[in-house]
């Protein structure tokens, strides 16, 4: 039922995990307002099935940098193609969860 879990803004990570890939169908405005803990509740599969144009529009670089490494790895090449350079950097950072990238390690 619509609204069965209450307003999306009140959902915690456990609800996103419970609803799984259905989270990909959440309206754009609701997705763009998700907080870090809510975003981290999205399953990697849910991340991967969000249509690429929608993915690029709803997630800011800040939101994308809060993805877990498992979520960031689930971002598809098609989704990446729609992202701005800043959004792509945020996903790459999240894939390594803030660790030095291989090219940075070479400069150390």
C-alpha atoms as a PDB file:
ATOM      1  CA  UNK A   1       0.000   0.000   0.000  1.00  0.00           C
ATOM      2  CA  UNK A   2       1.233   3.515  -0.733  1.00  0.00           C
ATOM      3  CA  UNK A   3       2.383   5.105   2.490  1.00  0.00           C
ATOM      4  CA  UNK A   4       2.413   1.766   4.290  1.00  0.00           C
ATOM      5  CA  UNK A   5       5.694   2.717   5.933  1.00  0.00           C
ATOM      6  CA  UNK A   6       4.762   6.368   6.482  1.00  0.00           C
ATOM      7  CA  UNK A   7       6.496   9.351   4.848  1.00  0.00           C
ATOM      8  CA  UNK A   8       9.797   8.524   3.131  1.00  0.00           C
ATOM      9  CA  UNK A   9      11.469  11.319   5.096  1.00  0.00           C
ATOM     10  CA  UNK A  10      10.898   9.307   8.289  1.00  0.00           C
ATOM     11  CA  UNK A  11      12.289   6.026   6.974  1.00  0.00           C
ATOM     12  CA  UNK A  12      15.408   4.581   8.552  1.00  0.00           C
ATOM     13  CA  UNK A  13      17.909   2.273   6.856  1.00  0.00           C
ATOM     14  CA  UNK A  14      15.988  -0.782   8.052  1.00  0.00           C
ATOM     15  CA  UNK A  15      12.942   0.149   5.955  1.00  0.00           C
ATOM     16  CA  UNK A  16      15.037   0.629   2.811  1.00  0.00           C
ATOM     17  CA  UNK A  17      16.648  -2.740   3.410  1.00  0.00           C
ATOM     18  CA  UNK A  18      13.240  -4.323   3.960  1.00  0.00           C
ATOM     19  CA  UNK A  19      11.720  -2.960   0.766  1.00  0.00           C
ATOM     20  CA  UNK A  20      14.796  -3.810  -1.302  1.00  0.00           C
ATOM     21  CA  UNK A  21      14.730  -2.868  -4.968  1.00  0.00           C
ATOM     22  CA  UNK A  22      11.302  -1.288  -4.645  1.00  0.00           C
ATOM     23  CA  UNK A  23      13.235   1.716  -3.315  1.00  0.00           C
ATOM     24  CA  UNK A  24      14.285   2.441  -6.914  1.00  0.00           C
ATOM     25  CA  UNK A  25      10.687   3.494  -7.592  1.00  0.00           C
ATOM     26  CA  UNK A  26      10.627   6.200  -4.925  1.00  0.00           C
ATOM     27  CA  UNK A  27       9.730   9.598  -6.435  1.00  0.00           C
ATOM     28  CA  UNK A  28      12.655  11.818  -7.488  1.00  0.00           C
ATOM     29  CA  UNK A  29      11.933  14.522  -4.916  1.00  0.00           C
ATOM     30  CA  UNK A  30      11.892  11.987  -2.067  1.00  0.00           C
ATOM     31  CA  UNK A  31      15.147  10.336  -3.243  1.00  0.00           C
ATOM     32  CA  UNK A  32      16.910  13.673  -3.530  1.00  0.00           C
ATOM     33  CA  UNK A  33      16.012  14.487   0.088  1.00  0.00           C
ATOM     34  CA  UNK A  34      17.416  11.276   1.613  1.00  0.00           C
ATOM     35  CA  UNK A  35      19.903  11.625   4.443  1.00  0.00           C
ATOM     36  CA  UNK A  36      23.144   9.625   4.730  1.00  0.00           C
ATOM     37  CA  UNK A  37      21.688   6.914   6.997  1.00  0.00           C
ATOM     38  CA  UNK A  38      18.712   6.468   4.700  1.00  0.00           C
ATOM     39  CA  UNK A  39      20.901   6.277   1.598  1.00  0.00           C
ATOM     40  CA  UNK A  40      23.072   3.642   3.246  1.00  0.00           C
ATOM     41  CA  UNK A  41      19.948   1.532   3.747  1.00  0.00           C
ATOM     42  CA  UNK A  42      19.469   1.187  -0.023  1.00  0.00           C
ATOM     43  CA  UNK A  43      20.578  -2.220  -1.202  1.00  0.00           C
ATOM     44  CA  UNK A  44      23.251  -2.382  -3.921  1.00  0.00           C
ATOM     45  CA  UNK A  45      20.630  -3.987  -6.182  1.00  0.00           C
ATOM     46  CA  UNK A  46      18.277  -1.042  -5.584  1.00  0.00           C
ATOM     47  CA  UNK A  47      21.107   1.332  -6.521  1.00  0.00           C
ATOM     48  CA  UNK A  48      21.816  -0.580  -9.732  1.00  0.00           C
ATOM     49  CA  UNK A  49      18.210  -0.563 -10.988  1.00  0.00           C
ATOM     50  CA  UNK A  50      17.565   3.169 -10.647  1.00  0.00           C
ATOM     51  CA  UNK A  51      17.272   4.435 -14.236  1.00  0.00           C
ATOM     52  CA  UNK A  52      20.490   6.278 -15.214  1.00  0.00           C
ATOM     53  CA  UNK A  53      18.890   9.684 -15.936  1.00  0.00           C
ATOM     54  CA  UNK A  54      16.983   9.556 -12.631  1.00  0.00           C
ATOM     55  CA  UNK A  55      20.115   8.470 -10.752  1.00  0.00           C
ATOM     56  CA  UNK A  56      22.044  11.480 -12.071  1.00  0.00           C
ATOM     57  CA  UNK A  57      19.283  13.948 -11.223  1.00  0.00           C
ATOM     58  CA  UNK A  58      18.331  12.807  -7.719  1.00  0.00           C
ATOM     59  CA  UNK A  59      21.707  12.245  -6.043  1.00  0.00           C
ATOM     60  CA  UNK A  60      24.055  15.104  -5.220  1.00  0.00           C
ATOM     61  CA  UNK A  61      27.817  14.557  -4.981  1.00  0.00           C
ATOM     62  CA  UNK A  62      27.467  14.724  -1.181  1.00  0.00           C
ATOM     63  CA  UNK A  63      24.851  11.974  -1.200  1.00  0.00           C
ATOM     64  CA  UNK A  64      26.910   9.852  -3.578  1.00  0.00           C
ATOM     65  CA  UNK A  65      30.006  10.178  -1.398  1.00  0.00           C
ATOM     66  CA  UNK A  66      27.987   8.719   1.492  1.00  0.00           C
ATOM     67  CA  UNK A  67      27.383   5.449  -0.377  1.00  0.00           C
ATOM     68  CA  UNK A  68      29.023   2.383   1.112  1.00  0.00           C
ATOM     69  CA  UNK A  69      31.694   0.758  -1.033  1.00  0.00           C
ATOM     70  CA  UNK A  70      29.269  -2.084  -1.904  1.00  0.00           C
ATOM     71  CA  UNK A  71      26.652   0.444  -3.040  1.00  0.00           C
ATOM     72  CA  UNK A  72      29.173   2.498  -5.013  1.00  0.00           C
ATOM     73  CA  UNK A  73      30.473  -0.609  -6.800  1.00  0.00           C
ATOM     74  CA  UNK A  74      26.843  -1.365  -7.793  1.00  0.00           C
ATOM     75  CA  UNK A  75      26.604   1.905  -9.759  1.00  0.00           C
ATOM     76  CA  UNK A  76      26.381   0.784 -13.373  1.00  0.00           C
ATOM     77  CA  UNK A  77      28.474   2.118 -16.272  1.00  0.00           C
ATOM     78  CA  UNK A  78      25.243   3.464 -17.770  1.00  0.00           C
ATOM     79  CA  UNK A  79      24.509   5.397 -14.571  1.00  0.00           C
ATOM     80  CA  UNK A  80      28.092   6.702 -14.444  1.00  0.00           C
ATOM     81  CA  UNK A  81      27.756   8.001 -17.992  1.00  0.00           C
ATOM     82  CA  UNK A  82      24.954  10.337 -16.906  1.00  0.00           C
ATOM     83  CA  UNK A  83      26.822  11.736 -13.883  1.00  0.00           C
ATOM     84  CA  UNK A  84      28.684  15.029 -13.764  1.00  0.00           C
ATOM     85  CA  UNK A  85      32.448  14.884 -13.175  1.00  0.00           C
ATOM     86  CA  UNK A  86      31.881  15.891  -9.535  1.00  0.00           C
ATOM     87  CA  UNK A  87      29.302  13.109  -9.063  1.00  0.00           C
ATOM     88  CA  UNK A  88      31.671  10.558 -10.667  1.00  0.00           C
ATOM     89  CA  UNK A  89      34.467  11.594  -8.281  1.00  0.00           C
ATOM     90  CA  UNK A  90      32.072  11.142  -5.343  1.00  0.00           C
ATOM     91  CA  UNK A  91      31.189   7.610  -6.496  1.00  0.00           C
ATOM     92  CA  UNK A  92      34.873   6.759  -7.004  1.00  0.00           C
ATOM     93  CA  UNK A  93      35.652   8.074  -3.522  1.00  0.00           C
ATOM     94  CA  UNK A  94      32.813   5.992  -2.049  1.00  0.00           C
ATOM     95  CA  UNK A  95      34.051   2.878  -3.874  1.00  0.00           C
ATOM     96  CA  UNK A  96      37.276   3.209  -1.890  1.00  0.00           C
ATOM     97  CA  UNK A  97      35.469   4.557   1.211  1.00  0.00           C
ATOM     98  CA  UNK A  98      37.894   7.440   1.465  1.00  0.00           C
ATOM     99  CA  UNK A  99      41.054   5.340   1.163  1.00  0.00           C
ATOM    100  CA  UNK A 100      43.867   6.700  -0.938  1.00  0.00           C
ATOM    101  CA  UNK A 101      43.353   5.810  -4.543  1.00  0.00           C
ATOM    102  CA  UNK A 102      46.106   3.830  -6.282  1.00  0.00           C
ATOM    103  CA  UNK A 103      47.263   6.952  -8.173  1.00  0.00           C
ATOM    104  CA  UNK A 104      47.501   8.934  -4.897  1.00  0.00           C
ATOM    105  CA  UNK A 105      49.486   6.124  -3.277  1.00  0.00           C
ATOM    106  CA  UNK A 106      51.986   6.329  -6.130  1.00  0.00           C
ATOM    107  CA  UNK A 107      52.548  10.022  -5.374  1.00  0.00           C
ATOM    108  CA  UNK A 108      53.178   9.444  -1.652  1.00  0.00           C
END
